[in-house]
Amino acid sequence: MTEGSRTDRPTGAAPQAPLPGRPVWAARTCAAALALFALLGLFVADFGWGRPEAVQQADDLWLGAVEAARAPELTGVALFLDAAGAVPYTYLALGGVALLLAVWRRWWALLFFALSYVTAQPLATTLFKALLDRPRPVDRLVPTDSAAYPSGHTVTAAVISFALVMVVLVAMRPRRYAFGLSIGAAVLITAAMAWSRTYLGAHWLSDTVGAVCLGVGLTLLWWWLLAPRIRAELRR
């Protein structure tokens, strides 16, 4: 070996693979979702300068439709989802996922999951409820103790389902049909929770739409930031 061909790499050491790039689609979808969340917030808040009535009119129409469709069987399903999306069951779900990732020693995935939930639910949801202070519908079938926008139950469902699906999809690298089924399951879970919140009169429709935008938007923000590390870690 000549002097000019020497390198600092130890003999026999394999070159380290570069980290995958950040997903551009996640950044774009995150920006669109958070922009829609902010726009809806401006439409539903009462800051004293007047607001468009189209959103509230759509909310009133939807609320009237779900109230007219109330039946004992549907009420039972909605009450089950109400309980499932509240403490302690959400903490049990979060703890189970966190424990699984810790045992699996997937620390970047665990950080992604934790940051997605903490920033979306305890922080952003609480902040915007206090800032906008939107009144809830009057005819409620469950007790509530905070403002309406955004729906905390729906934010939690969106974050848990979409964050978990994204981690699992990267880890398993499934076929296209499995990818579609996984995303479909996350959409179904989130939509079911959103429906239950409006059915029970706990939220307006726009509260749940904004909650989906907030939960998915912040989940994709953290995915965009951490995806290279997560993908490299999960595919070891």
C-alpha atoms as a PDB file:
ATOM      1  CA  MET A   1       0.000   0.000   0.000  1.00  0.00           C
ATOM      2  CA  THR A   2       1.428   3.381  -0.911  1.00  0.00           C
ATOM      3  CA  GLU A   3       1.465   6.374   1.369  1.00  0.00           C
ATOM      4  CA  GLY A   4      -1.140   8.167  -0.728  1.00  0.00           C
ATOM      5  CA  SER A   5      -3.652   5.315  -0.441  1.00  0.00           C
ATOM      6  CA  ARG A   6      -3.732   5.180   3.348  1.00  0.00           C
ATOM      7  CA  THR A   7      -6.880   6.227   5.201  1.00  0.00           C
ATOM      8  CA  ASP A   8      -7.805   6.723   8.840  1.00  0.00           C
ATOM      9  CA  ARG A   9     -10.415   3.955   8.694  1.00  0.00           C
ATOM     10  CA  PRO A  10      -9.507   0.903  10.797  1.00  0.00           C
ATOM     11  CA  THR A  11      -8.630  -2.179   8.787  1.00  0.00           C
ATOM     12  CA  GLY A  12     -11.738  -4.236   7.983  1.00  0.00           C
ATOM     13  CA  ALA A  13     -14.213  -1.578   9.192  1.00  0.00           C
ATOM     14  CA  ALA A  14     -17.305  -1.202   7.026  1.00  0.00           C
ATOM     15  CA  PRO A  15     -18.209   2.297   5.896  1.00  0.00           C
ATOM     16  CA  GLN A  16     -21.097   3.789   7.851  1.00  0.00           C
ATOM     17  CA  ALA A  17     -24.272   4.092   5.782  1.00  0.00           C
ATOM     18  CA  PRO A  18     -25.578   7.646   5.470  1.00  0.00           C
ATOM     19  CA  LEU A  19     -28.817   8.499   7.229  1.00  0.00           C
ATOM     20  CA  PRO A  20     -31.941   8.541   5.044  1.00  0.00           C
ATOM     21  CA  GLY A  21     -33.185  11.985   4.084  1.00  0.00           C
ATOM     22  CA  ARG A  22     -36.121  13.760   5.689  1.00  0.00           C
ATOM     23  CA  PRO A  23     -39.455  13.050   3.969  1.00  0.00           C
ATOM     24  CA  VAL A  24     -40.592  16.123   2.042  1.00  0.00           C
ATOM     25  CA  TRP A  25     -44.193  14.870   1.937  1.00  0.00           C
ATOM     26  CA  ALA A  26     -44.328  14.930   5.746  1.00  0.00           C
ATOM     27  CA  ALA A  27     -43.227  18.566   5.882  1.00  0.00           C
ATOM     28  CA  ARG A  28     -45.781  19.633   3.284  1.00  0.00           C
ATOM     29  CA  THR A  29     -48.653  17.713   4.854  1.00  0.00           C
ATOM     30  CA  CYS A  30     -47.696  18.999   8.308  1.00  0.00           C
ATOM     31  CA  ALA A  31     -47.709  22.608   7.086  1.00  0.00           C
ATOM     32  CA  ALA A  32     -51.104  22.181   5.408  1.00  0.00           C
ATOM     33  CA  ALA A  33     -52.650  20.498   8.448  1.00  0.00           C
ATOM     34  CA  LEU A  34     -51.398  23.068  10.940  1.00  0.00           C
ATOM     35  CA  ALA A  35     -52.448  25.926   8.650  1.00  0.00           C
ATOM     36  CA  LEU A  36     -55.977  24.505   8.460  1.00  0.00           C
ATOM     37  CA  PHE A  37     -56.029  24.105  12.243  1.00  0.00           C
ATOM     38  CA  ALA A  38     -55.056  27.757  12.695  1.00  0.00           C
ATOM     39  CA  LEU A  39     -57.580  28.928  10.098  1.00  0.00           C
ATOM     40  CA  LEU A  40     -60.413  27.010  11.752  1.00  0.00           C
ATOM     41  CA  GLY A  41     -59.354  28.464  15.089  1.00  0.00           C
ATOM     42  CA  LEU A  42     -59.725  31.978  13.702  1.00  0.00           C
ATOM     43  CA  PHE A  43     -63.155  31.097  12.296  1.00  0.00           C
ATOM     44  CA  VAL A  44     -64.525  29.700  15.571  1.00  0.00           C
ATOM     45  CA  ALA A  45     -62.936  32.115  18.044  1.00  0.00           C
ATOM     46  CA  ASP A  46     -64.746  35.225  19.201  1.00  0.00           C
ATOM     47  CA  PHE A  47     -62.121  37.960  19.324  1.00  0.00           C
ATOM     48  CA  GLY A  48     -64.650  40.763  18.868  1.00  0.00           C
ATOM     49  CA  TRP A  49     -63.887  41.620  15.243  1.00  0.00           C
ATOM     50  CA  GLY A  50     -66.613  39.487  13.681  1.00  0.00           C
ATOM     51  CA  ARG A  51     -66.208  36.018  12.267  1.00  0.00           C
ATOM     52  CA  PRO A  52     -67.496  34.037   9.271  1.00  0.00           C
ATOM     53  CA  GLU A  53     -70.738  32.220  10.047  1.00  0.00           C
ATOM     54  CA  ALA A  54     -70.250  29.412   7.517  1.00  0.00           C
ATOM     55  CA  VAL A  55     -68.317  27.192   9.946  1.00  0.00           C
ATOM     56  CA  GLN A  56     -70.866  27.596  12.726  1.00  0.00           C
ATOM     57  CA  GLN A  57     -73.711  26.975  10.299  1.00  0.00           C
ATOM     58  CA  ALA A  58     -72.064  23.718   9.199  1.00  0.00           C
ATOM     59  CA  ASP A  59     -71.536  22.810  12.859  1.00  0.00           C
ATOM     60  CA  ASP A  60     -75.211  23.424  13.628  1.00  0.00           C
ATOM     61  CA  LEU A  61     -76.330  21.290  10.685  1.00  0.00           C
ATOM     62  CA  TRP A  62     -74.077  18.403  11.690  1.00  0.00           C
ATOM     63  CA  LEU A  63     -75.099  18.596  15.336  1.00  0.00           C
ATOM     64  CA  GLY A  64     -78.769  18.543  14.383  1.00  0.00           C
ATOM     65  CA  ALA A  65     -78.182  15.487  12.179  1.00  0.00           C
ATOM     66  CA  VAL A  66     -76.363  13.442  14.823  1.00  0.00           C
ATOM     67  CA  GLU A  67     -78.848  14.414  17.527  1.00  0.00           C
ATOM     68  CA  ALA A  68     -81.703  13.257  15.296  1.00  0.00           C
ATOM     69  CA  ALA A  69     -79.918   9.934  14.713  1.00  0.00           C
ATOM     70  CA  ARG A  70     -79.375   9.130  18.392  1.00  0.00           C
ATOM     71  CA  ALA A  71     -80.326   5.592  19.356  1.00  0.00           C
ATOM     72  CA  PRO A  72     -79.487   3.411  22.397  1.00  0.00           C
ATOM     73  CA  GLU A  73     -77.038   1.237  20.442  1.00  0.00           C
ATOM     74  CA  LEU A  74     -75.154   4.208  18.978  1.00  0.00           C
ATOM     75  CA  THR A  75     -75.121   5.942  22.339  1.00  0.00           C
ATOM     76  CA  GLY A  76     -73.506   2.868  23.863  1.00  0.00           C
ATOM     77  CA  VAL A  77     -70.763   2.877  21.236  1.00  0.00           C
ATOM     78  CA  ALA A  78     -70.168   6.610  21.680  1.00  0.00           C
ATOM     79  CA  LEU A  79     -69.977   6.265  25.474  1.00  0.00           C
ATOM     80  CA  PHE A  80     -67.466   3.418  25.095  1.00  0.00           C
ATOM     81  CA  LEU A  81     -65.265   5.626  22.915  1.00  0.00           C
ATOM     82  CA  ASP A  82     -65.671   8.479  25.386  1.00  0.00           C
ATOM     83  CA  ALA A  83     -64.297   6.269  28.158  1.00  0.00           C
ATOM     84  CA  ALA A  84     -61.565   4.770  25.960  1.00  0.00           C
ATOM     85  CA  GLY A  85     -60.272   8.227  25.053  1.00  0.00           C
ATOM     86  CA  ALA A  86     -60.056   9.423  28.654  1.00  0.00           C
ATOM     87  CA  VAL A  87     -57.767   8.778  31.609  1.00  0.00           C
ATOM     88  CA  PRO A  88     -56.713   6.137  32.640  1.00  0.00           C
ATOM     89  CA  TYR A  89     -57.221   4.190  29.410  1.00  0.00           C
ATOM     90  CA  THR A  90     -55.228   6.553  27.209  1.00  0.00           C
ATOM     91  CA  TYR A  91     -52.334   6.369  29.671  1.00  0.00           C
ATOM     92  CA  LEU A  92     -52.517   2.574  29.573  1.00  0.00           C
ATOM     93  CA  ALA A  93     -52.319   2.655  25.766  1.00  0.00           C
ATOM     94  CA  LEU A  94     -49.460   5.153  25.792  1.00  0.00           C
ATOM     95  CA  GLY A  95     -47.619   3.212  28.474  1.00  0.00           C
ATOM     96  CA  GLY A  96     -48.022  -0.037  26.568  1.00  0.00           C
ATOM     97  CA  VAL A  97     -46.567   1.407  23.377  1.00  0.00           C
ATOM     98  CA  ALA A  98     -43.731   3.103  25.289  1.00  0.00           C
ATOM     99  CA  LEU A  99     -42.893  -0.138  27.111  1.00  0.00           C
ATOM    100  CA  LEU A 100     -42.865  -2.096  23.847  1.00  0.00           C
ATOM    101  CA  LEU A 101     -40.504   0.374  22.189  1.00  0.00           C
ATOM    102  CA  ALA A 102     -38.256   0.453  25.269  1.00  0.00           C
ATOM    103  CA  VAL A 103     -38.017  -3.336  25.430  1.00  0.00           C
ATOM    104  CA  TRP A 104     -37.329  -3.322  21.687  1.00  0.00           C
ATOM    105  CA  ARG A 105     -34.617  -0.706  22.394  1.00  0.00           C
ATOM    106  CA  ARG A 106     -35.934   1.662  19.753  1.00  0.00           C
ATOM    107  CA  TRP A 107     -35.167   4.905  21.543  1.00  0.00           C
ATOM    108  CA  TRP A 108     -35.618   7.283  18.608  1.00  0.00           C
ATOM    109  CA  ALA A 109     -39.034   5.798  17.881  1.00  0.00           C
ATOM    110  CA  LEU A 110     -39.936   6.157  21.555  1.00  0.00           C
ATOM    111  CA  LEU A 111     -38.825   9.796  21.514  1.00  0.00           C
ATOM    112  CA  PHE A 112     -40.936  10.421  18.406  1.00  0.00           C
ATOM    113  CA  PHE A 113     -43.993   8.835  20.013  1.00  0.00           C
ATOM    114  CA  ALA A 114     -43.550  10.755  23.274  1.00  0.00           C
ATOM    115  CA  LEU A 115     -42.946  14.143  21.629  1.00  0.00           C
ATOM    116  CA  SER A 116     -45.910  13.710  19.291  1.00  0.00           C
ATOM    117  CA  TYR A 117     -48.286  13.083  22.181  1.00  0.00           C
ATOM    118  CA  VAL A 118     -46.904  15.607  24.680  1.00  0.00           C
ATOM    119  CA  THR A 119     -46.775  18.525  22.253  1.00  0.00           C
ATOM    120  CA  ALA A 120     -50.197  17.785  20.761  1.00  0.00           C
ATOM    121  CA  GLN A 121     -52.314  16.886  23.777  1.00  0.00           C
ATOM    122  CA  PRO A 122     -51.113  18.319  27.097  1.00  0.00           C
ATOM    123  CA  LEU A 123     -49.421  21.353  25.534  1.00  0.00           C
ATOM    124  CA  ALA A 124     -51.087  22.532  22.295  1.00  0.00           C
ATOM    125  CA  THR A 125     -54.610  21.330  23.096  1.00  0.00           C
ATOM    126  CA  THR A 126     -54.611  22.902  26.554  1.00  0.00           C
ATOM    127  CA  LEU A 127     -53.109  26.132  25.202  1.00  0.00           C
ATOM    128  CA  PHE A 128     -55.642  26.615  22.404  1.00  0.00           C
ATOM    129  CA  LYS A 129     -58.607  25.646  24.563  1.00  0.00           C
ATOM    130  CA  ALA A 130     -57.625  28.389  26.995  1.00  0.00           C
ATOM    131  CA  LEU A 131     -56.764  30.904  24.257  1.00  0.00           C
ATOM    132  CA  LEU A 132     -59.902  30.486  22.129  1.00  0.00           C
ATOM    133  CA  ASP A 133     -62.329  29.552  24.943  1.00  0.00           C
ATOM    134  CA  ARG A 134     -65.004  28.335  22.547  1.00  0.00           C
ATOM    135  CA  PRO A 135     -68.292  27.288  24.202  1.00  0.00           C
ATOM    136  CA  ARG A 136     -69.428  23.705  23.749  1.00  0.00           C
ATOM    137  CA  PRO A 137     -72.856  22.621  22.501  1.00  0.00           C
ATOM    138  CA  VAL A 138     -75.608  22.894  25.108  1.00  0.00           C
ATOM    139  CA  ASP A 139     -77.219  19.460  24.800  1.00  0.00           C
ATOM    140  CA  ARG A 140     -74.395  17.217  26.048  1.00  0.00           C
ATOM    141  CA  LEU A 141     -74.698  13.569  27.044  1.00  0.00           C
ATOM    142  CA  VAL A 142     -71.397  13.558  28.964  1.00  0.00           C
ATOM    143  CA  PRO A 143     -69.894  15.998  31.481  1.00  0.00           C
ATOM    144  CA  THR A 144     -67.144  18.358  30.275  1.00  0.00           C
ATOM    145  CA  ASP A 145     -64.852  20.745  32.096  1.00  0.00           C
ATOM    146  CA  SER A 146     -62.974  22.715  29.437  1.00  0.00           C
ATOM    147  CA  ALA A 147     -63.495  24.731  26.265  1.00  0.00           C
ATOM    148  CA  ALA A 148     -64.448  23.148  22.946  1.00  0.00           C
ATOM    149  CA  TYR A 149     -61.691  23.828  20.384  1.00  0.00           C
ATOM    150  CA  PRO A 150     -59.900  21.520  19.738  1.00  0.00           C
ATOM    151  CA  SER A 151     -61.278  18.135  20.851  1.00  0.00           C
ATOM    152  CA  GLY A 152     -58.773  16.515  23.194  1.00  0.00           C
ATOM    153  CA  HIS A 153     -60.164  13.009  22.681  1.00  0.00           C
ATOM    154  CA  THR A 154     -59.777  13.361  18.911  1.00  0.00           C
ATOM    155  CA  VAL A 155     -56.258  14.777  19.173  1.00  0.00           C
ATOM    156  CA  THR A 156     -55.250  11.793  21.318  1.00  0.00           C
ATOM    157  CA  ALA A 157     -56.796   9.283  18.905  1.00  0.00           C
ATOM    158  CA  ALA A 158     -55.085  10.904  15.905  1.00  0.00           C
ATOM    159  CA  VAL A 159     -51.658  11.048  17.543  1.00  0.00           C
ATOM    160  CA  ILE A 160     -51.654   7.513  18.950  1.00  0.00           C
ATOM    161  CA  SER A 161     -53.023   5.835  15.832  1.00  0.00           C
ATOM    162  CA  PHE A 162     -50.966   7.688  13.229  1.00  0.00           C
ATOM    163  CA  ALA A 163     -47.703   7.722  15.219  1.00  0.00           C
ATOM    164  CA  LEU A 164     -48.002   4.013  15.949  1.00  0.00           C
ATOM    165  CA  VAL A 165     -48.877   3.168  12.344  1.00  0.00           C
ATOM    166  CA  MET A 166     -45.889   5.116  11.013  1.00  0.00           C
ATOM    167  CA  VAL A 167     -43.448   3.399  13.379  1.00  0.00           C
ATOM    168  CA  VAL A 168     -44.858  -0.042  12.574  1.00  0.00           C
ATOM    169  CA  LEU A 169     -44.824   0.602   8.820  1.00  0.00           C
ATOM    170  CA  VAL A 170     -41.180   1.635   8.872  1.00  0.00           C
ATOM    171  CA  ALA A 171     -40.221  -1.337  11.039  1.00  0.00           C
ATOM    172  CA  MET A 172     -42.088  -3.975   9.037  1.00  0.00           C
ATOM    173  CA  ARG A 173     -41.758  -2.505   5.531  1.00  0.00           C
ATOM    174  CA  PRO A 174     -45.058  -4.098   4.490  1.00  0.00           C
ATOM    175  CA  ARG A 175     -46.491  -4.647   1.056  1.00  0.00           C
ATOM    176  CA  ARG A 176     -48.644  -1.938  -0.484  1.00  0.00           C
ATOM    177  CA  TYR A 177     -51.960  -3.488   0.574  1.00  0.00           C
ATOM    178  CA  ALA A 178     -50.788  -3.734   4.206  1.00  0.00           C
ATOM    179  CA  PHE A 179     -49.694  -0.097   4.068  1.00  0.00           C
ATOM    180  CA  GLY A 180     -53.145   0.911   2.865  1.00  0.00           C
ATOM    181  CA  LEU A 181     -54.881  -1.188   5.514  1.00  0.00           C
ATOM    182  CA  SER A 182     -52.734   0.331   8.273  1.00  0.00           C
ATOM    183  CA  ILE A 183     -53.422   3.904   7.215  1.00  0.00           C
ATOM    184  CA  GLY A 184     -57.093   3.028   6.792  1.00  0.00           C
ATOM    185  CA  ALA A 185     -57.213   1.676  10.347  1.00  0.00           C
ATOM    186  CA  ALA A 186     -55.706   4.903  11.713  1.00  0.00           C
ATOM    187  CA  VAL A 187     -58.221   6.979   9.756  1.00  0.00           C
ATOM    188  CA  LEU A 188     -61.109   4.794  10.968  1.00  0.00           C
ATOM    189  CA  ILE A 189     -60.090   5.020  14.629  1.00  0.00           C
ATOM    190  CA  THR A 190     -59.685   8.789  14.441  1.00  0.00           C
ATOM    191  CA  ALA A 191     -62.951   9.275  12.545  1.00  0.00           C
ATOM    192  CA  ALA A 192     -64.830   7.076  15.028  1.00  0.00           C
ATOM    193  CA  MET A 193     -63.569   9.155  17.939  1.00  0.00           C
ATOM    194  CA  ALA A 194     -64.460  12.392  16.133  1.00  0.00           C
ATOM    195  CA  TRP A 195     -67.964  11.097  15.424  1.00  0.00           C
ATOM    196  CA  SER A 196     -68.474  10.068  19.057  1.00  0.00           C
ATOM    197  CA  ARG A 197     -67.530  13.524  20.340  1.00  0.00           C
ATOM    198  CA  THR A 198     -70.114  15.213  18.124  1.00  0.00           C
ATOM    199  CA  TYR A 199     -72.731  12.503  18.685  1.00  0.00           C
ATOM    200  CA  LEU A 200     -72.491  12.997  22.446  1.00  0.00           C
ATOM    201  CA  GLY A 201     -72.797  16.767  22.027  1.00  0.00           C
ATOM    202  CA  ALA A 202     -69.382  17.283  23.636  1.00  0.00           C
ATOM    203  CA  HIS A 203     -67.968  19.049  20.567  1.00  0.00           C
ATOM    204  CA  TRP A 204     -68.832  20.809  17.369  1.00  0.00           C
ATOM    205  CA  LEU A 205     -67.785  19.173  14.097  1.00  0.00           C
ATOM    206  CA  SER A 206     -65.121  21.844  13.520  1.00  0.00           C
ATOM    207  CA  ASP A 207     -63.613  21.047  16.944  1.00  0.00           C
ATOM    208  CA  THR A 208     -62.917  17.516  15.775  1.00  0.00           C
ATOM    209  CA  VAL A 209     -61.689  18.531  12.310  1.00  0.00           C
ATOM    210  CA  GLY A 210     -59.272  20.975  13.910  1.00  0.00           C
ATOM    211  CA  ALA A 211     -58.193  18.294  16.368  1.00  0.00           C
ATOM    212  CA  VAL A 212     -57.341  15.886  13.543  1.00  0.00           C
ATOM    213  CA  CYS A 213     -55.310  18.622  11.840  1.00  0.00           C
ATOM    214  CA  LEU A 214     -53.468  19.416  15.061  1.00  0.00           C
ATOM    215  CA  GLY A 215     -52.753  15.805  16.005  1.00  0.00           C
ATOM    216  CA  VAL A 216     -51.687  14.679  12.544  1.00  0.00           C
ATOM    217  CA  GLY A 217     -49.799  17.917  11.889  1.00  0.00           C
ATOM    218  CA  LEU A 218     -47.644  17.706  15.011  1.00  0.00           C
ATOM    219  CA  THR A 219     -47.094  13.975  14.535  1.00  0.00           C
ATOM    220  CA  LEU A 220     -45.808  14.648  11.013  1.00  0.00           C
ATOM    221  CA  LEU A 221     -43.655  17.521  12.274  1.00  0.00           C
ATOM    222  CA  TRP A 222     -41.805  15.192  14.617  1.00  0.00           C
ATOM    223  CA  TRP A 223     -41.723  12.481  11.952  1.00  0.00           C
ATOM    224  CA  TRP A 224     -40.082  14.914   9.534  1.00  0.00           C
ATOM    225  CA  LEU A 225     -37.493  15.901  12.147  1.00  0.00           C
ATOM    226  CA  LEU A 226     -36.709  12.396  13.444  1.00  0.00           C
ATOM    227  CA  ALA A 227     -37.480  10.120  10.484  1.00  0.00           C
ATOM    228  CA  PRO A 228     -33.842   9.650   9.389  1.00  0.00           C
ATOM    229  CA  ARG A 229     -32.849   8.456  12.866  1.00  0.00           C
ATOM    230  CA  ILE A 230     -35.989   6.339  13.303  1.00  0.00           C
ATOM    231  CA  ARG A 231     -35.600   4.600   9.959  1.00  0.00           C
ATOM    232  CA  ALA A 232     -31.930   3.887  10.532  1.00  0.00           C
ATOM    233  CA  GLU A 233     -32.687   2.536  14.021  1.00  0.00           C
ATOM    234  CA  LEU A 234     -35.699   0.419  13.092  1.00  0.00           C
ATOM    235  CA  ARG A 235     -33.946  -1.225  10.156  1.00  0.00           C
ATOM    236  CA  ARG A 236     -30.898  -2.371  12.115  1.00  0.00           C
END
